[in-house]
Each structure stands twice: as structure tokens, then as C-alpha cells.
Amino acid sequence: MARELDDERPESTQTGLGHPTVRREPAIVATVTVTDGGGVRAVVVDEVLVVGASNEVALVLRDPKVSRLHAELASRADGLWVTDLGSKNGTWLEGIRVGSALVPNGGTIRLGDATLVVGYRKGERQRELWAHPRFHRLRGGSDPMRALYARLARCAASEATVLVRGETGTGKELVAEALHDASPRAGMPFVVVDCAAMPANLLEAELFGVKRGAFTGADRDRPGAVEAAEGGTLFLDEIGELPIELQPKLLRLLETRTFRRLGESQHRKADVRIVCATHRDLRRAATEGTFREDLYFRVAVLVADVPPLRERLDDLSSLVAHFAESRLAPADLDELLRRARVRPWPGNVRELRNFVERAVALGLTGASTQRSAGDPSATPATFAFDVPDDRPLAEVRQRAGDHVEREYVRKVLARFDGNVTRAAEHAGIARQHLHRLMKRSQG
């Protein structure tokens, strides 16, 4: 249901006084040599690129066997990662069909008949970081969060639509609110609509409003969330759950800034900034046909990725203290923080907040004995893999390996009660490697 956040907002000290700093860091620079129907060309990948046949993507491939949104290339600290986006013909690395994989130096990716050969060299990158450990109501001074703040500051100055992506519990609504508070529209309405909270017929009325007599029971004109947000920001949470029949109407709003109330024939003008959020991969949903491709490109003009808690563990101390609100003795707070550092946090900041609240209400023992549904140790692990005989052997091997990896990560974390350090030692791998496996298993 739409709701307007009209509580008192903290005075902004970040936007006026804050500024980004630029840090130069050593980096692996990935150059991709592309061969397709358009010839041969080299592309340096220094961010996240979507690859496909659509003219809207960053790297367009001229090949009839390539899906419109086929794969993603992402430059990370350990090299270039390729991720399939639900393509029809698959993404192949060194002859093996992959879902997501790190490409070795000299490795060849095949998409349809197009090939992408990856080469690495040592270089550096410039990383923009916010100078302060807070951005409006967002907290955390870790590098991933300060990089997010710097991006939000740039997005806030624009009127373009923003897509906030992140796992469940990472605080996407707070990010959208911070965008609003940092923008020229601060002080105007910030209206929230949860697209997953109601069926399509009610959601349409909630978004666009109702004309009197539009249906039985519509005894008066009623404005919707778009009108309630006039002059301000409309935040569409879980945009990936928007019913397919409503997506053309949202597309019209984004393209023309006009809409119609349910039962009206005339379009109305709307002066709103639109921010959307999702935990789903909308690119994959577009490939699968559950989310309109044209709507995806209108929603994702600017993208802000919210890091999961496991990638910002340096923020644990400040977050635990913030959630505890001086309700715990210093010794108990230190012990709670020690326990927090060894948990996997699949539920992210929301799970951490509940963890602290249980400690305040039930004591330290009560905080540790209750686990969230997303905790790998909360569900007994089972192992089953039905070997298909209608797929190539290489693909079956890849899928079986991925399945074994996911099950092993879940079981080893359960064995050591979520203690990542002990689980990594038992597995004979680095702690950072286990964190990457956990992230891959959840994706």
C-alpha cells in the first residue's frame, strides 16, 4: 500500500559539507577482444557491462544466436566475471556452459557464434569515495558504503530514474529516501508503493488513482500515489513484482510523465522523480519475458547497487552500537559484536537489527539461539541431483559442480554454526574465498 513518510527528517550535513575523494588503487585491467558479425574490436571493461543483441546494451553483438540481454561482464578485484542472464543459447567459457564464472587470462567466452577473448594487464583504477561515514540516514564508513554514497550524491543531482538493486534486508528503501533527501526535491513528498503487496487491480488504483464510478464501490474520485508524490519522489519498491499488465502504464509514466486515473479517458501530467528497487535480476526477467525489456531500460537509467552486509563487515561495530541504542552494558555490547563478526548474515542489515533486538530483550543467549529462515544452518542440508541425459556432458558436469558447491557451503557453515573463519579453515580455503562462494550460492 502507498504510504508517505512524513516523519521528521534529520538535517542534512552531508550534502552541503560532504564531498567525494578519489583514490587510486592497483587493479587488474581486462581487455575483451570481440569477434562477431560486425568484425573485430577491443573493449576495456572497467565496470559492469550488459552484452547482447539489443541496441540498448553497453556491448552490442551482431549475431542472430545472441539473446537481446545475453550476459553480464563485471570487472572485480580478482578479474573479469561473466554471468549468463537467462539467454536462450547459453554462455560458454572454454567450452563449458556457465551460469557465472571468473574468466582466466586468455580465456574465451562464446555467445552464439560471437567470441570474446579476455586479456589482463596490471593497471590502476580511480575509486570515488564519500568523505563521511554517513549519508543522511545511511550509516557505515566502509569503502563499499562510501562508494555508494558518492554514487548517490551524483544520482541525487539528476532527475533521471534510479534503480536501486540489492539483496533482501540491505536497506534499499533507506537508500531511496537518502536519494530524495539529497535531491532538489527534498522537503516535498516521498511516497512509497510496494509492488509486491497487492494484486494488479488494486495496485493500479493505488498507483494511478480512481475516477468516481470506475467500478462498483468507487463512490468518489480518489488520487493515487503518483498524484500524492507531486513535486517529490515516488518510490516503487520490488518493481520486479509489478504485474505484466501494468508495466505498459508505468512505461508511459516514465516516458511521457503522464498517467490516467482508473476509469478516466484524459491523461494527467505528473511532476515526480521515480526511484525503483528490486532484489531480482531484472535483466534476466526481461530475457525470460516476465519483465518488459523496454521498461527495464527506462527503469535502469541510473543504477545504485547496495552492498550486502558480508561485504561491509567493517560497519558491524557502528551498526551494532546504533541498533543497541545504549541499552546494553559495554561488556555485553563487545561480546555481541564478537558473535556478530562470525555470522554469515544472509538476511543482511535487517537480520542484524533483529539479532541486536533479541539480545536487548532476551540477553546474549537468546540472541544466538534463534536463527533466521535465511541462515544456512537453519535448514537441514539435503543432497540430490537428478542427472539429465538430454543435455551435453560439459553442461551436466558444470551444473553438478555448482550443486555440490552450494550444498557444501551450506553444510560446512551449519557444521560450525555460521562461523565463517572456522568453516574456511575446515574447508582449506581462504576466508575471502568462502565469502565469494557464499555470495555465488545465494545468487
Protein backbone atom coordinates (compact mmCIF):
# COMPACT_ATOMS: atom_id res chain seq x y z
CA MET A 1 0.00 0.00 0.00
CA ALA A 2 1.22 3.50 -0.72
CA ARG A 3 2.43 5.41 2.27
CA GLU A 4 4.03 8.78 2.70
CA LEU A 5 6.99 9.14 5.01
CA ASP A 6 6.27 12.41 6.77
CA ASP A 7 8.30 11.80 9.91
CA GLU A 8 10.90 14.35 10.89
CA ARG A 9 13.98 14.00 8.75
CA PRO A 10 17.48 14.66 10.03
CA GLU A 11 19.02 17.90 8.89
CA SER A 12 21.39 17.25 6.02
CA THR A 13 25.01 17.85 6.90
CA GLN A 14 26.35 15.57 4.21
CA THR A 15 25.14 17.17 1.00
CA GLY A 16 26.44 20.64 1.69
CA LEU A 17 29.66 19.75 3.50
CA GLY A 18 30.39 16.33 2.12
CA HIS A 19 32.40 15.73 -0.99
CA PRO A 20 33.86 12.69 -2.70
CA THR A 21 37.54 11.87 -2.66
CA VAL A 22 39.29 9.97 -5.42
CA ARG A 23 41.53 7.06 -4.51
CA ARG A 24 43.92 5.44 -6.99
CA GLU A 25 44.20 1.69 -6.48
CA PRO A 26 46.12 -1.10 -8.22
CA ALA A 27 43.76 -3.07 -10.41
CA ILE A 28 43.57 -5.81 -12.99
CA VAL A 29 42.57 -4.20 -16.27
CA ALA A 30 40.53 -6.50 -18.53
CA THR A 31 40.52 -6.02 -22.29
CA VAL A 32 37.98 -8.03 -24.28
CA THR A 33 38.61 -8.70 -27.97
CA VAL A 34 35.21 -9.17 -29.60
CA THR A 35 34.69 -11.05 -32.86
CA ASP A 36 31.15 -11.12 -34.29
CA GLY A 37 29.22 -10.25 -37.43
CA GLY A 38 30.38 -6.65 -37.07
CA GLY A 39 34.08 -7.53 -37.23
CA VAL A 40 36.80 -7.43 -34.59
CA ARG A 41 37.15 -4.78 -31.89
CA ALA A 42 38.69 -4.40 -28.44
CA VAL A 43 36.78 -3.16 -25.38
CA VAL A 44 38.21 -2.29 -21.97
CA VAL A 45 35.84 -3.41 -19.21
CA ASP A 46 36.20 -1.20 -16.14
CA GLU A 47 32.63 -1.50 -14.84
CA VAL A 48 29.58 -3.72 -15.29
CA LEU A 49 28.56 -4.18 -18.93
CA VAL A 50 25.50 -5.94 -20.29
CA VAL A 51 26.21 -7.84 -23.51
CA GLY A 52 23.54 -8.77 -26.03
CA ALA A 53 21.83 -8.12 -29.35
CA SER A 54 19.72 -5.18 -28.13
CA ASN A 55 20.90 -1.76 -29.27
CA GLU A 56 20.28 -0.53 -25.71
CA VAL A 57 23.04 -2.60 -24.06
CA ALA A 58 26.60 -1.40 -23.44
CA LEU A 59 28.24 -4.05 -25.65
CA VAL A 60 26.14 -4.90 -28.72
CA LEU A 61 26.88 -8.18 -30.51
CA ARG A 62 25.89 -8.65 -34.13
CA ASP A 63 24.90 -12.30 -34.06
CA PRO A 64 21.43 -13.84 -34.61
CA LYS A 65 22.09 -16.51 -31.96
CA VAL A 66 22.75 -13.94 -29.22
CA SER A 67 19.85 -13.03 -26.91
CA ARG A 68 18.91 -9.37 -26.59
CA LEU A 69 20.11 -9.34 -22.97
CA HIS A 70 22.52 -12.24 -23.04
CA ALA A 71 25.23 -11.87 -20.37
CA GLU A 72 26.96 -9.51 -17.98
CA LEU A 73 30.66 -8.71 -17.77
CA ALA A 74 31.80 -7.37 -14.40
CA SER A 75 35.30 -6.16 -13.56
CA ARG A 76 36.16 -7.11 -9.97
CA ALA A 77 39.26 -7.19 -7.81
CA ASP A 78 40.11 -10.76 -8.87
CA GLY A 79 39.42 -10.31 -12.58
CA LEU A 80 36.56 -10.36 -15.06
CA TRP A 81 33.40 -12.28 -14.17
CA VAL A 82 30.89 -13.37 -16.79
CA THR A 83 27.28 -14.10 -15.80
CA ASP A 84 24.59 -15.51 -18.06
CA LEU A 85 21.29 -13.60 -17.98
CA GLY A 86 19.00 -16.49 -18.84
CA SER A 87 19.99 -16.49 -22.51
CA LYS A 88 18.46 -18.96 -24.95
CA ASN A 89 21.72 -20.44 -26.25
CA GLY A 90 23.79 -20.09 -23.11
CA THR A 91 27.12 -18.54 -22.17
CA TRP A 92 30.15 -20.76 -22.74
CA LEU A 93 33.58 -20.37 -21.17
CA GLU A 94 36.34 -22.55 -22.58
CA GLY A 95 33.71 -24.91 -23.98
CA ILE A 96 31.72 -25.23 -20.72
CA ARG A 97 28.30 -23.67 -20.27
CA VAL A 98 28.41 -21.45 -17.19
CA GLY A 99 25.99 -19.51 -15.03
CA SER A 100 28.65 -17.27 -13.50
CA ALA A 101 32.42 -17.71 -13.64
CA LEU A 102 35.76 -15.94 -13.32
CA VAL A 103 37.45 -15.75 -16.74
CA PRO A 104 41.15 -16.72 -16.79
CA ASN A 105 43.74 -14.67 -18.62
CA GLY A 106 43.45 -15.58 -22.29
CA GLY A 107 40.07 -17.25 -21.71
CA THR A 108 37.48 -17.37 -24.48
CA ILE A 109 33.79 -16.67 -23.92
CA ARG A 110 31.37 -17.79 -26.63
CA LEU A 111 27.92 -16.23 -27.02
CA GLY A 112 26.19 -17.75 -30.04
CA ASP A 113 28.83 -17.60 -32.78
CA ALA A 114 30.45 -14.49 -31.29
CA THR A 115 33.68 -14.86 -29.29
CA LEU A 116 35.13 -12.67 -26.56
CA VAL A 117 38.79 -13.26 -25.70
CA VAL A 118 39.85 -11.78 -22.34
CA GLY A 119 43.33 -10.45 -21.63
CA TYR A 120 44.64 -8.93 -18.40
CA ARG A 121 47.30 -6.37 -17.59
CA LYS A 122 48.30 -4.60 -14.40
CA GLY A 123 46.98 -1.08 -14.06
CA GLU A 124 45.07 1.11 -11.67
CA ARG A 125 41.58 2.41 -11.19
CA GLN A 126 40.15 5.55 -9.72
CA ARG A 127 37.63 4.92 -6.97
CA GLU A 128 35.34 7.71 -5.82
CA LEU A 129 34.57 7.56 -2.09
CA TRP A 130 32.41 9.83 0.03
CA ALA A 131 34.37 11.73 2.65
CA HIS A 132 31.96 10.98 5.53
CA PRO A 133 30.81 7.72 7.18
CA ARG A 134 27.14 8.76 6.84
CA PHE A 135 24.85 9.92 4.07
CA HIS A 136 21.59 11.23 5.50
CA ARG A 137 20.09 8.23 7.37
CA LEU A 138 22.51 5.72 5.85
CA ARG A 139 25.30 4.58 8.17
CA GLY A 140 28.65 2.91 7.59
CA GLY A 141 32.14 4.14 6.83
CA SER A 142 33.38 1.06 4.96
CA ASP A 143 34.71 1.53 1.44
CA PRO A 144 31.70 -0.16 -0.23
CA MET A 145 29.31 2.19 1.57
CA ARG A 146 31.37 5.32 0.94
CA ALA A 147 31.48 4.37 -2.76
CA LEU A 148 27.68 4.01 -2.65
CA TYR A 149 27.31 7.45 -1.02
CA ALA A 150 29.42 9.06 -3.75
CA ARG A 151 27.23 7.46 -6.42
CA LEU A 152 24.03 8.50 -4.62
CA ALA A 153 25.23 12.10 -4.45
CA ARG A 154 25.67 12.11 -8.22
CA CYS A 155 22.31 10.40 -8.81
CA ALA A 156 20.55 12.85 -6.48
CA ALA A 157 21.57 15.79 -8.65
CA SER A 158 19.82 14.23 -11.67
CA GLU A 159 16.14 13.86 -12.48
CA ALA A 160 16.72 10.50 -14.19
CA THR A 161 15.03 7.36 -12.91
CA VAL A 162 17.16 5.32 -10.49
CA LEU A 163 17.12 1.56 -9.96
CA VAL A 164 18.32 0.52 -6.51
CA ARG A 165 19.48 -3.10 -6.51
CA GLY A 166 20.35 -5.22 -3.51
CA GLU A 167 19.60 -8.37 -1.58
CA THR A 168 16.69 -8.58 0.82
CA GLY A 169 17.41 -6.71 4.03
CA THR A 170 20.15 -4.41 2.71
CA GLY A 171 18.13 -1.21 3.23
CA LYS A 172 17.01 -0.29 -0.27
CA GLU A 173 14.18 1.92 0.99
CA LEU A 174 16.61 3.91 3.13
CA VAL A 175 18.79 4.36 0.04
CA ALA A 176 15.79 5.69 -1.91
CA GLU A 177 14.93 8.02 0.96
CA ALA A 178 18.53 9.29 1.08
CA LEU A 179 18.36 9.98 -2.66
CA HIS A 180 15.24 12.04 -2.10
CA ASP A 181 16.71 13.95 0.85
CA ALA A 182 19.88 14.77 -1.11
CA SER A 183 17.95 15.95 -4.18
CA PRO A 184 16.40 19.34 -5.01
CA ARG A 185 13.04 17.71 -4.22
CA ALA A 186 13.88 17.32 -0.52
CA GLY A 187 11.04 18.69 1.60
CA MET A 188 8.45 17.56 -0.93
CA PRO A 189 6.53 14.25 -0.57
CA PHE A 190 8.35 10.91 -0.53
CA VAL A 191 5.70 8.29 -1.33
CA VAL A 192 6.27 4.54 -1.16
CA VAL A 193 4.38 1.86 -3.09
CA ASP A 194 5.20 -1.81 -2.52
CA CYS A 195 4.54 -3.53 -5.86
CA ALA A 196 4.54 -6.96 -4.21
CA ALA A 197 1.91 -6.12 -1.61
CA MET A 198 -1.33 -6.30 -3.60
CA PRO A 199 -2.98 -7.78 -6.72
CA ALA A 200 -2.87 -5.99 -10.07
CA ASN A 201 -6.37 -4.45 -9.93
CA LEU A 202 -5.77 -2.86 -6.54
CA LEU A 203 -2.21 -1.85 -7.39
CA GLU A 204 -3.36 0.08 -10.47
CA ALA A 205 -5.81 2.09 -8.36
CA GLU A 206 -3.16 2.59 -5.68
CA LEU A 207 -0.65 3.93 -8.21
CA PHE A 208 -2.78 5.99 -10.57
CA GLY A 209 -5.97 6.74 -8.62
CA VAL A 210 -9.65 6.12 -9.38
CA LYS A 211 -12.39 8.15 -11.08
CA ARG A 212 -15.80 8.06 -9.45
CA GLY A 213 -17.93 5.31 -10.98
CA ALA A 214 -14.97 3.43 -12.42
CA PHE A 215 -16.18 0.26 -10.69
CA THR A 216 -18.71 -0.82 -8.08
CA GLY A 217 -17.90 0.92 -4.83
CA ALA A 218 -15.95 3.78 -6.42
CA ASP A 219 -18.24 6.45 -4.99
CA ARG A 220 -15.73 9.30 -5.20
CA ASP A 221 -12.65 10.43 -7.05
CA ARG A 222 -9.51 9.22 -5.34
CA PRO A 223 -5.97 10.30 -6.23
CA GLY A 224 -3.24 7.69 -6.32
CA ALA A 225 0.40 7.61 -5.29
CA VAL A 226 1.56 9.45 -8.41
CA GLU A 227 -0.53 12.49 -7.50
CA ALA A 228 0.37 12.19 -3.82
CA ALA A 229 4.06 12.42 -4.78
CA GLU A 230 3.60 15.55 -6.94
CA GLY A 231 6.74 17.64 -6.80
CA GLY A 232 8.58 14.93 -4.87
CA THR A 233 9.71 11.32 -5.25
CA LEU A 234 7.71 8.17 -5.95
CA PHE A 235 9.50 5.06 -4.69
CA LEU A 236 8.36 1.80 -6.27
CA ASP A 237 9.63 -1.00 -4.05
CA GLU A 238 10.04 -4.50 -5.50
CA ILE A 239 9.46 -3.26 -9.04
CA GLY A 240 10.28 -6.76 -10.29
CA GLU A 241 6.92 -7.94 -8.92
CA LEU A 242 4.91 -5.42 -10.94
CA PRO A 243 2.26 -7.39 -12.89
CA ILE A 244 2.98 -7.60 -16.60
CA GLU A 245 -0.36 -5.98 -17.45
CA LEU A 246 0.57 -2.82 -15.51
CA GLN A 247 4.04 -2.45 -16.99
CA PRO A 248 2.92 -0.54 -20.14
CA LYS A 249 1.22 2.06 -17.92
CA LEU A 250 4.35 2.55 -15.87
CA LEU A 251 6.35 2.78 -19.10
CA ARG A 252 4.07 5.61 -20.28
CA LEU A 253 4.56 7.43 -16.98
CA LEU A 254 8.34 7.15 -17.30
CA GLU A 255 8.44 8.20 -20.96
CA THR A 256 5.82 10.97 -21.06
CA ARG A 257 5.32 11.85 -17.39
CA THR A 258 1.57 11.41 -17.93
CA PHE A 259 -0.95 8.97 -16.48
CA ARG A 260 -4.67 8.26 -16.27
CA ARG A 261 -6.78 7.53 -13.23
CA LEU A 262 -8.66 4.26 -13.44
CA GLY A 263 -11.88 4.99 -15.38
CA GLU A 264 -10.65 8.26 -16.92
CA SER A 265 -10.02 8.94 -20.61
CA GLN A 266 -7.85 12.05 -20.23
CA HIS A 267 -4.18 11.91 -19.29
CA ARG A 268 -2.83 13.97 -16.42
CA LYS A 269 0.64 15.49 -16.10
CA ALA A 270 2.91 14.25 -13.31
CA ASP A 271 5.88 16.07 -11.83
CA VAL A 272 7.62 13.24 -9.94
CA ARG A 273 11.08 11.73 -9.64
CA ILE A 274 10.82 7.94 -9.79
CA VAL A 275 13.11 5.62 -7.86
CA CYS A 276 12.65 1.84 -8.08
CA ALA A 277 14.13 -1.02 -6.07
CA THR A 278 14.40 -4.76 -6.54
CA HIS A 279 16.23 -7.81 -5.24
CA ARG A 280 15.55 -9.60 -8.52
CA ASP A 281 17.73 -9.55 -11.64
CA LEU A 282 15.51 -7.55 -13.99
CA ARG A 283 17.80 -8.27 -16.94
CA ARG A 284 17.21 -11.99 -16.52
CA ALA A 285 13.49 -11.34 -16.03
CA ALA A 286 13.46 -9.36 -19.28
CA THR A 287 15.12 -12.26 -21.10
CA GLU A 288 12.57 -14.67 -19.62
CA GLY A 289 9.66 -12.43 -20.63
CA THR A 290 8.33 -11.64 -17.13
CA PHE A 291 9.54 -8.02 -17.27
CA ARG A 292 9.35 -5.82 -20.33
CA GLU A 293 12.74 -5.13 -21.87
CA ASP A 294 11.83 -1.55 -22.81
CA LEU A 295 10.63 -0.91 -19.26
CA TYR A 296 13.90 -2.28 -17.87
CA PHE A 297 15.93 0.25 -19.86
CA ARG A 298 13.65 3.10 -18.71
CA VAL A 299 13.88 1.98 -15.08
CA ALA A 300 17.65 1.41 -15.05
CA VAL A 301 18.82 4.76 -16.41
CA LEU A 302 20.93 5.13 -13.27
CA VAL A 303 21.76 2.11 -11.10
CA ALA A 304 22.84 2.03 -7.45
CA ASP A 305 23.93 -1.33 -6.02
CA VAL A 306 23.61 -1.70 -2.25
CA PRO A 307 26.35 -3.98 -0.86
CA PRO A 308 25.32 -6.95 1.30
CA LEU A 309 26.43 -6.92 4.93
CA ARG A 310 29.06 -9.61 4.34
CA GLU A 311 30.90 -7.16 2.04
CA ARG A 312 30.88 -4.35 4.61
CA LEU A 313 31.83 -6.11 7.84
CA ASP A 314 33.87 -3.05 8.88
CA ASP A 315 30.49 -1.42 9.60
CA LEU A 316 29.41 -4.04 12.13
CA SER A 317 30.69 -2.10 15.14
CA SER A 318 28.84 1.12 14.31
CA LEU A 319 25.67 -0.71 13.26
CA VAL A 320 25.51 -2.88 16.39
CA ALA A 321 26.03 0.18 18.61
CA HIS A 322 23.37 2.10 16.67
CA PHE A 323 20.78 -0.67 16.97
CA ALA A 324 21.58 -1.25 20.66
CA GLU A 325 20.94 2.44 21.45
CA SER A 326 22.92 2.29 24.73
CA ARG A 327 20.59 -0.43 26.05
CA LEU A 328 23.42 -2.93 26.59
CA ALA A 329 26.32 -2.79 29.03
CA PRO A 330 29.70 -2.17 27.33
CA ALA A 331 30.89 -5.73 28.09
CA ASP A 332 27.71 -7.23 26.62
CA LEU A 333 28.00 -4.98 23.59
CA ASP A 334 31.58 -6.17 23.00
CA GLU A 335 30.52 -9.81 23.30
CA LEU A 336 27.58 -9.27 20.96
CA LEU A 337 29.89 -7.68 18.41
CA ARG A 338 32.31 -10.63 18.71
CA ARG A 339 29.47 -13.03 17.95
CA ALA A 340 28.22 -10.86 15.11
CA ARG A 341 31.59 -10.95 13.36
CA VAL A 342 31.44 -14.72 12.78
CA ARG A 343 27.89 -14.97 11.41
CA PRO A 344 27.17 -15.14 7.66
CA TRP A 345 24.24 -12.62 7.70
CA PRO A 346 22.17 -13.90 4.78
CA GLY A 347 19.41 -11.53 5.95
CA ASN A 348 21.81 -8.58 5.89
CA VAL A 349 21.22 -5.44 7.99
CA ARG A 350 17.61 -6.38 8.75
CA GLU A 351 18.80 -9.66 10.29
CA LEU A 352 21.50 -7.81 12.25
CA ARG A 353 18.94 -5.40 13.67
CA ASN A 354 16.73 -8.31 14.78
CA PHE A 355 19.79 -10.02 16.27
CA VAL A 356 20.55 -6.94 18.39
CA GLU A 357 16.90 -6.53 19.40
CA ARG A 358 16.80 -10.13 20.62
CA ALA A 359 19.96 -9.52 22.64
CA VAL A 360 18.37 -6.47 24.27
CA ALA A 361 15.12 -8.32 25.02
CA LEU A 362 16.37 -11.85 25.82
CA GLY A 363 20.06 -11.48 26.62
CA LEU A 364 23.06 -12.72 24.67
CA THR A 365 21.98 -16.37 24.80
CA GLY A 366 18.59 -15.55 23.32
CA ALA A 367 20.20 -13.58 20.50
CA SER A 368 22.33 -16.51 19.37
CA THR A 369 19.89 -19.41 19.65
CA GLN A 370 17.24 -18.07 17.24
CA ARG A 371 18.18 -18.14 13.57
CA SER A 372 16.55 -16.52 10.63
CA ALA A 373 14.96 -18.55 7.86
CA GLY A 374 17.72 -17.45 5.50
CA ASP A 375 20.52 -18.73 7.76
CA PRO A 376 22.16 -21.73 6.04
CA SER A 377 22.32 -23.51 9.39
CA ALA A 378 18.59 -23.15 9.97
CA THR A 379 17.61 -25.77 7.40
CA PRO A 380 18.98 -29.31 7.29
CA ALA A 381 21.05 -29.83 4.17
CA THR A 382 19.97 -32.41 1.65
CA PHE A 383 21.84 -33.65 -1.39
CA ALA A 384 20.09 -34.70 -4.53
CA PHE A 385 20.99 -34.25 -8.16
CA ASP A 386 18.98 -35.90 -10.91
CA VAL A 387 21.44 -36.47 -13.74
CA PRO A 388 19.76 -35.47 -17.03
CA ASP A 389 20.58 -37.34 -20.21
CA ASP A 390 19.21 -34.74 -22.62
CA ARG A 391 21.99 -32.19 -22.13
CA PRO A 392 25.67 -32.10 -23.18
CA LEU A 393 28.09 -33.75 -20.73
CA ALA A 394 30.01 -30.50 -20.15
CA GLU A 395 26.82 -28.73 -19.09
CA VAL A 396 25.80 -31.57 -16.76
CA ARG A 397 29.25 -31.52 -15.16
CA GLN A 398 29.02 -27.75 -14.63
CA ARG A 399 25.55 -27.99 -13.08
CA ALA A 400 26.57 -30.89 -10.85
CA GLY A 401 29.64 -28.96 -9.70
CA ASP A 402 27.57 -25.89 -8.91
CA HIS A 403 25.11 -28.05 -6.96
CA VAL A 404 27.88 -29.71 -4.94
CA GLU A 405 29.45 -26.32 -4.21
CA ARG A 406 26.16 -24.86 -2.93
CA GLU A 407 25.45 -27.89 -0.73
CA TYR A 408 28.99 -27.96 0.64
CA VAL A 409 28.91 -24.26 1.58
CA ARG A 410 25.57 -24.70 3.32
CA LYS A 411 26.66 -27.79 5.23
CA VAL A 412 30.08 -26.53 6.31
CA LEU A 413 28.53 -23.31 7.62
CA ALA A 414 25.93 -25.33 9.52
CA ARG A 415 28.67 -27.57 10.94
CA PHE A 416 30.39 -24.55 12.51
CA ASP A 417 27.22 -22.66 13.44
CA GLY A 418 27.80 -19.92 10.87
CA ASN A 419 31.41 -19.25 11.93
CA VAL A 420 32.96 -18.28 8.58
CA THR A 421 36.55 -18.34 9.86
CA ARG A 422 36.32 -21.87 11.26
CA ALA A 423 34.35 -23.09 8.23
CA ALA A 424 37.01 -21.72 5.87
CA GLU A 425 39.81 -23.37 7.89
CA HIS A 426 37.94 -26.67 7.79
CA ALA A 427 37.40 -26.34 4.03
CA GLY A 428 41.07 -25.50 3.48
CA ILE A 429 40.32 -22.22 1.70
CA ALA A 430 40.77 -18.54 2.48
CA ARG A 431 38.01 -16.73 4.35
CA GLN A 432 37.56 -14.33 1.42
CA HIS A 433 37.16 -17.30 -0.92
CA LEU A 434 34.39 -18.73 1.27
CA HIS A 435 32.62 -15.35 1.25
CA ARG A 436 32.68 -15.43 -2.57
CA LEU A 437 31.27 -18.96 -2.56
CA MET A 438 28.50 -17.85 -0.18
CA LYS A 439 27.62 -14.98 -2.48
CA ARG A 440 27.61 -17.26 -5.52
CA SER A 441 25.43 -19.84 -3.72
CA GLN A 442 22.84 -17.19 -2.90
CA GLY A 443 22.79 -15.83 -6.46
